[in-house]
Amino acid sequence: MRWHIASSYEHACGRCPMLWPDPAQRDRLVEIRDNLHVRIAEAEREGWLGEVEGLRVSLASAEDKLTRLNRRRGHRTAVDLGIPTPKPASTAPRPGHDGPP
């Protein structure tokens, strides 16, 4: 069985609330989440309680980011506001002016 061990840096970035993953990276985020489940099971087996807690924080963050990505999937990110068109110039004299000089 082959599985990727994500770096601690990758998990630290995954915990960052400012990180908005690119929707194209959704599969990578699923891979990280699945890897975290495997690592949590291993840490529990080995009795690494501190590691378990840290991995659970990373797992909760990865699941939250996946949930947000899934919510955004059906939403458009851009709104077409159309092309602005200038108003035609008024031929009436401006207040305080008698007309063209």
N, C-alpha and C. Protein backbone atom coordinates (compact mmCIF):
# COMPACT_ATOMS: atom_id res chain seq x y z
N MET A 1 0.84 -1.18 0.00
CA MET A 1 0.00 0.00 0.00
C MET A 1 0.89 1.24 0.00
N ARG A 2 0.57 2.18 -0.87
CA ARG A 2 1.35 3.40 -0.98
C ARG A 2 0.48 4.59 -0.61
N TRP A 3 0.95 5.41 0.31
CA TRP A 3 0.23 6.63 0.65
C TRP A 3 1.22 7.73 0.93
N HIS A 4 0.78 8.92 0.70
CA HIS A 4 1.63 10.10 0.83
C HIS A 4 1.59 10.61 2.27
N ILE A 5 2.73 10.89 2.82
CA ILE A 5 2.79 11.52 4.14
C ILE A 5 2.97 13.01 3.90
N ALA A 6 1.97 13.76 4.26
CA ALA A 6 2.02 15.21 4.06
C ALA A 6 2.96 15.82 5.08
N SER A 7 3.65 16.84 4.67
CA SER A 7 4.60 17.50 5.55
C SER A 7 3.87 18.30 6.64
N SER A 8 4.58 18.57 7.73
CA SER A 8 3.98 19.37 8.80
C SER A 8 3.70 20.78 8.31
N TYR A 9 4.52 21.28 7.37
CA TYR A 9 4.28 22.61 6.80
C TYR A 9 2.95 22.63 6.06
N GLU A 10 2.70 21.58 5.30
CA GLU A 10 1.45 21.49 4.55
C GLU A 10 0.26 21.51 5.50
N HIS A 11 0.36 20.81 6.61
CA HIS A 11 -0.74 20.79 7.58
C HIS A 11 -0.88 22.12 8.29
N ALA A 12 0.22 22.77 8.57
CA ALA A 12 0.15 24.09 9.22
C ALA A 12 -0.55 25.07 8.28
N CYS A 13 -0.23 25.03 7.01
CA CYS A 13 -0.89 25.91 6.05
C CYS A 13 -2.37 25.54 5.93
N GLY A 14 -2.66 24.26 6.00
CA GLY A 14 -4.05 23.81 5.92
C GLY A 14 -4.88 24.30 7.09
N ARG A 15 -4.24 24.55 8.22
CA ARG A 15 -4.96 25.05 9.40
C ARG A 15 -5.20 26.55 9.34
N CYS A 16 -4.50 27.23 8.47
CA CYS A 16 -4.59 28.69 8.40
C CYS A 16 -5.98 29.11 7.94
N PRO A 17 -6.71 29.91 8.73
CA PRO A 17 -8.05 30.32 8.33
C PRO A 17 -8.05 31.27 7.14
N MET A 18 -6.89 31.85 6.80
CA MET A 18 -6.81 32.76 5.67
C MET A 18 -6.63 32.03 4.35
N LEU A 19 -6.31 30.73 4.40
CA LEU A 19 -6.08 29.96 3.18
C LEU A 19 -7.41 29.62 2.53
N TRP A 20 -7.58 30.05 1.29
CA TRP A 20 -8.74 29.67 0.49
C TRP A 20 -8.22 28.81 -0.63
N PRO A 21 -8.40 27.48 -0.52
CA PRO A 21 -7.84 26.60 -1.55
C PRO A 21 -8.45 26.85 -2.92
N ASP A 22 -7.62 26.69 -3.92
CA ASP A 22 -8.07 26.76 -5.30
C ASP A 22 -8.98 25.56 -5.55
N PRO A 23 -10.18 25.77 -6.09
CA PRO A 23 -11.08 24.64 -6.35
C PRO A 23 -10.44 23.54 -7.20
N ALA A 24 -9.47 23.89 -8.02
CA ALA A 24 -8.77 22.88 -8.83
C ALA A 24 -7.94 21.95 -7.95
N GLN A 25 -7.65 22.36 -6.71
CA GLN A 25 -6.85 21.55 -5.78
C GLN A 25 -7.71 20.72 -4.83
N ARG A 26 -9.00 20.61 -5.12
CA ARG A 26 -9.92 19.87 -4.25
C ARG A 26 -9.47 18.42 -4.05
N ASP A 27 -9.06 17.75 -5.13
CA ASP A 27 -8.62 16.35 -5.02
C ASP A 27 -7.42 16.22 -4.09
N ARG A 28 -6.52 17.19 -4.13
CA ARG A 28 -5.35 17.17 -3.24
C ARG A 28 -5.80 17.33 -1.78
N LEU A 29 -6.77 18.16 -1.55
CA LEU A 29 -7.29 18.36 -0.20
C LEU A 29 -7.97 17.08 0.31
N VAL A 30 -8.67 16.37 -0.56
CA VAL A 30 -9.28 15.08 -0.19
C VAL A 30 -8.18 14.09 0.17
N GLU A 31 -7.10 14.09 -0.62
CA GLU A 31 -5.97 13.20 -0.34
C GLU A 31 -5.34 13.50 1.03
N ILE A 32 -5.19 14.78 1.33
CA ILE A 32 -4.64 15.18 2.63
C ILE A 32 -5.56 14.73 3.75
N ARG A 33 -6.87 14.95 3.58
CA ARG A 33 -7.84 14.53 4.60
C ARG A 33 -7.77 13.02 4.85
N ASP A 34 -7.73 12.25 3.76
CA ASP A 34 -7.66 10.79 3.90
C ASP A 34 -6.36 10.36 4.58
N ASN A 35 -5.25 11.04 4.24
CA ASN A 35 -3.97 10.75 4.86
C ASN A 35 -4.01 11.05 6.36
N LEU A 36 -4.70 12.11 6.73
CA LEU A 36 -4.82 12.46 8.15
C LEU A 36 -5.55 11.36 8.93
N HIS A 37 -6.59 10.77 8.34
CA HIS A 37 -7.28 9.66 9.00
C HIS A 37 -6.31 8.51 9.28
N VAL A 38 -5.47 8.19 8.29
CA VAL A 38 -4.50 7.10 8.45
C VAL A 38 -3.48 7.45 9.53
N ARG A 39 -3.00 8.68 9.50
CA ARG A 39 -2.00 9.10 10.50
C ARG A 39 -2.58 9.16 11.90
N ILE A 40 -3.84 9.55 12.04
CA ILE A 40 -4.48 9.56 13.36
C ILE A 40 -4.58 8.14 13.91
N ALA A 41 -4.98 7.21 13.05
CA ALA A 41 -5.09 5.81 13.49
C ALA A 41 -3.73 5.28 13.94
N GLU A 42 -2.68 5.61 13.19
CA GLU A 42 -1.33 5.17 13.56
C GLU A 42 -0.90 5.79 14.89
N ALA A 43 -1.14 7.08 15.07
CA ALA A 43 -0.75 7.76 16.30
C ALA A 43 -1.51 7.19 17.51
N GLU A 44 -2.78 6.86 17.31
CA GLU A 44 -3.56 6.26 18.41
C GLU A 44 -3.01 4.88 18.76
N ARG A 45 -2.67 4.10 17.74
CA ARG A 45 -2.09 2.76 17.96
C ARG A 45 -0.79 2.85 18.75
N GLU A 46 0.01 3.86 18.41
CA GLU A 46 1.33 4.01 19.03
C GLU A 46 1.28 4.77 20.36
N GLY A 47 0.12 5.34 20.69
CA GLY A 47 -0.01 6.07 21.95
C GLY A 47 0.57 7.47 21.91
N TRP A 48 0.68 8.05 20.73
CA TRP A 48 1.23 9.40 20.57
C TRP A 48 0.10 10.41 20.74
N LEU A 49 -0.31 10.64 21.98
CA LEU A 49 -1.49 11.46 22.25
C LEU A 49 -1.35 12.91 21.78
N GLY A 50 -0.19 13.50 21.94
CA GLY A 50 0.03 14.87 21.45
C GLY A 50 -0.09 14.94 19.94
N GLU A 51 0.45 13.96 19.27
CA GLU A 51 0.36 13.90 17.81
C GLU A 51 -1.08 13.73 17.36
N VAL A 52 -1.84 12.90 18.09
CA VAL A 52 -3.25 12.68 17.77
C VAL A 52 -4.00 14.01 17.80
N GLU A 53 -3.77 14.77 18.85
CA GLU A 53 -4.48 16.05 18.99
C GLU A 53 -4.14 17.01 17.86
N GLY A 54 -2.87 17.14 17.53
CA GLY A 54 -2.46 18.02 16.43
C GLY A 54 -3.04 17.58 15.10
N LEU A 55 -3.06 16.28 14.86
CA LEU A 55 -3.60 15.76 13.60
C LEU A 55 -5.11 15.98 13.53
N ARG A 56 -5.78 15.88 14.66
CA ARG A 56 -7.23 16.13 14.67
C ARG A 56 -7.55 17.59 14.35
N VAL A 57 -6.71 18.50 14.81
CA VAL A 57 -6.89 19.92 14.47
C VAL A 57 -6.74 20.10 12.96
N SER A 58 -5.71 19.47 12.40
CA SER A 58 -5.49 19.55 10.95
C SER A 58 -6.66 18.92 10.19
N LEU A 59 -7.16 17.79 10.69
CA LEU A 59 -8.28 17.12 10.04
C LEU A 59 -9.53 17.99 10.05
N ALA A 60 -9.83 18.61 11.18
CA ALA A 60 -11.00 19.47 11.27
C ALA A 60 -10.88 20.63 10.28
N SER A 61 -9.69 21.18 10.16
CA SER A 61 -9.48 22.29 9.24
C SER A 61 -9.63 21.84 7.79
N ALA A 62 -9.08 20.68 7.45
CA ALA A 62 -9.20 20.15 6.08
C ALA A 62 -10.66 19.89 5.74
N GLU A 63 -11.40 19.32 6.68
CA GLU A 63 -12.82 19.05 6.43
C GLU A 63 -13.61 20.34 6.28
N ASP A 64 -13.26 21.36 7.06
CA ASP A 64 -13.92 22.66 6.94
C ASP A 64 -13.66 23.27 5.56
N LYS A 65 -12.42 23.19 5.10
CA LYS A 65 -12.08 23.75 3.79
C LYS A 65 -12.81 22.99 2.68
N LEU A 66 -12.91 21.67 2.81
CA LEU A 66 -13.65 20.88 1.82
C LEU A 66 -15.12 21.28 1.81
N THR A 67 -15.69 21.48 2.99
CA THR A 67 -17.09 21.90 3.08
C THR A 67 -17.29 23.24 2.38
N ARG A 68 -16.38 24.18 2.62
CA ARG A 68 -16.49 25.49 1.98
C ARG A 68 -16.33 25.39 0.47
N LEU A 69 -15.40 24.53 0.02
CA LEU A 69 -15.23 24.34 -1.42
C LEU A 69 -16.49 23.73 -2.03
N ASN A 70 -17.07 22.77 -1.34
CA ASN A 70 -18.28 22.12 -1.86
C ASN A 70 -19.44 23.11 -1.94
N ARG A 71 -19.54 24.00 -0.96
CA ARG A 71 -20.60 25.02 -0.99
C ARG A 71 -20.41 25.98 -2.15
N ARG A 72 -19.17 26.33 -2.42
CA ARG A 72 -18.87 27.30 -3.47
C ARG A 72 -19.00 26.71 -4.86
N ARG A 73 -19.00 25.37 -4.97
CA ARG A 73 -19.06 24.71 -6.28
C ARG A 73 -20.25 25.17 -7.09
N GLY A 74 -21.41 25.30 -6.47
CA GLY A 74 -22.61 25.66 -7.18
C GLY A 74 -22.80 27.16 -7.36
N HIS A 75 -21.95 27.94 -6.72
CA HIS A 75 -22.09 29.40 -6.80
C HIS A 75 -21.14 29.97 -7.84
N ARG A 76 -21.62 30.97 -8.53
CA ARG A 76 -20.75 31.68 -9.45
C ARG A 76 -19.89 32.63 -8.65
N THR A 77 -18.66 32.76 -9.05
CA THR A 77 -17.77 33.65 -8.32
C THR A 77 -17.73 35.04 -8.95
N ALA A 78 -18.20 35.17 -10.19
CA ALA A 78 -18.20 36.47 -10.85
C ALA A 78 -19.62 36.84 -11.24
N VAL A 79 -19.90 38.09 -11.19
CA VAL A 79 -21.21 38.60 -11.56
C VAL A 79 -21.03 39.53 -12.75
N ASP A 80 -21.78 39.29 -13.81
CA ASP A 80 -21.70 40.14 -14.98
C ASP A 80 -22.53 41.39 -14.73
N LEU A 81 -21.86 42.52 -14.66
CA LEU A 81 -22.54 43.79 -14.43
C LEU A 81 -22.80 44.54 -15.73
N GLY A 82 -22.41 43.96 -16.83
CA GLY A 82 -22.61 44.61 -18.11
C GLY A 82 -21.53 45.63 -18.40
N ILE A 83 -21.65 46.28 -19.54
CA ILE A 83 -20.67 47.29 -19.93
C ILE A 83 -21.32 48.66 -19.74
N PRO A 84 -20.68 49.53 -18.97
CA PRO A 84 -21.27 50.85 -18.77
C PRO A 84 -21.27 51.65 -20.07
N THR A 85 -22.32 52.41 -20.29
CA THR A 85 -22.39 53.27 -21.47
C THR A 85 -22.54 54.71 -21.01
N PRO A 86 -21.80 55.60 -21.64
CA PRO A 86 -21.89 57.01 -21.23
C PRO A 86 -23.25 57.60 -21.62
N LYS A 87 -23.71 58.52 -20.82
CA LYS A 87 -24.95 59.22 -21.13
C LYS A 87 -24.67 60.23 -22.24
N PRO A 88 -25.63 60.46 -23.12
CA PRO A 88 -25.39 61.46 -24.17
C PRO A 88 -25.19 62.84 -23.55
N ALA A 89 -24.33 63.61 -24.17
CA ALA A 89 -24.04 64.96 -23.68
C ALA A 89 -25.28 65.83 -23.83
N SER A 90 -25.53 66.62 -22.84
CA SER A 90 -26.69 67.52 -22.86
C SER A 90 -26.36 68.75 -23.70
N THR A 91 -27.33 69.19 -24.50
CA THR A 91 -27.12 70.40 -25.30
C THR A 91 -27.66 71.63 -24.57
N ALA A 92 -28.34 71.42 -23.46
CA ALA A 92 -28.87 72.55 -22.69
C ALA A 92 -27.73 73.25 -21.99
N PRO A 93 -27.80 74.60 -21.88
CA PRO A 93 -26.73 75.33 -21.18
C PRO A 93 -26.70 74.97 -19.70
N ARG A 94 -25.48 74.98 -19.16
CA ARG A 94 -25.32 74.70 -17.72
C ARG A 94 -25.82 75.89 -16.94
N PRO A 95 -26.30 75.66 -15.73
CA PRO A 95 -26.77 76.78 -14.90
C PRO A 95 -25.65 77.81 -14.71
N GLY A 96 -25.98 79.08 -14.87
CA GLY A 96 -25.00 80.14 -14.68
C GLY A 96 -24.26 80.48 -15.96
N HIS A 97 -24.55 79.79 -17.04
CA HIS A 97 -23.92 80.07 -18.33
C HIS A 97 -25.00 80.40 -19.37
N ASP A 98 -24.69 81.27 -20.27
CA ASP A 98 -25.64 81.64 -21.30
C ASP A 98 -25.52 80.74 -22.54
N GLY A 99 -24.58 79.89 -22.51
CA GLY A 99 -24.36 79.05 -23.69
C GLY A 99 -22.90 79.01 -24.02
N PRO A 100 -22.57 78.53 -25.20
CA PRO A 100 -21.15 78.41 -25.57
C PRO A 100 -20.47 79.77 -25.63
N PRO A 101 -19.19 79.85 -25.30
CA PRO A 101 -18.49 81.14 -25.32
C PRO A 101 -18.37 81.74 -26.71
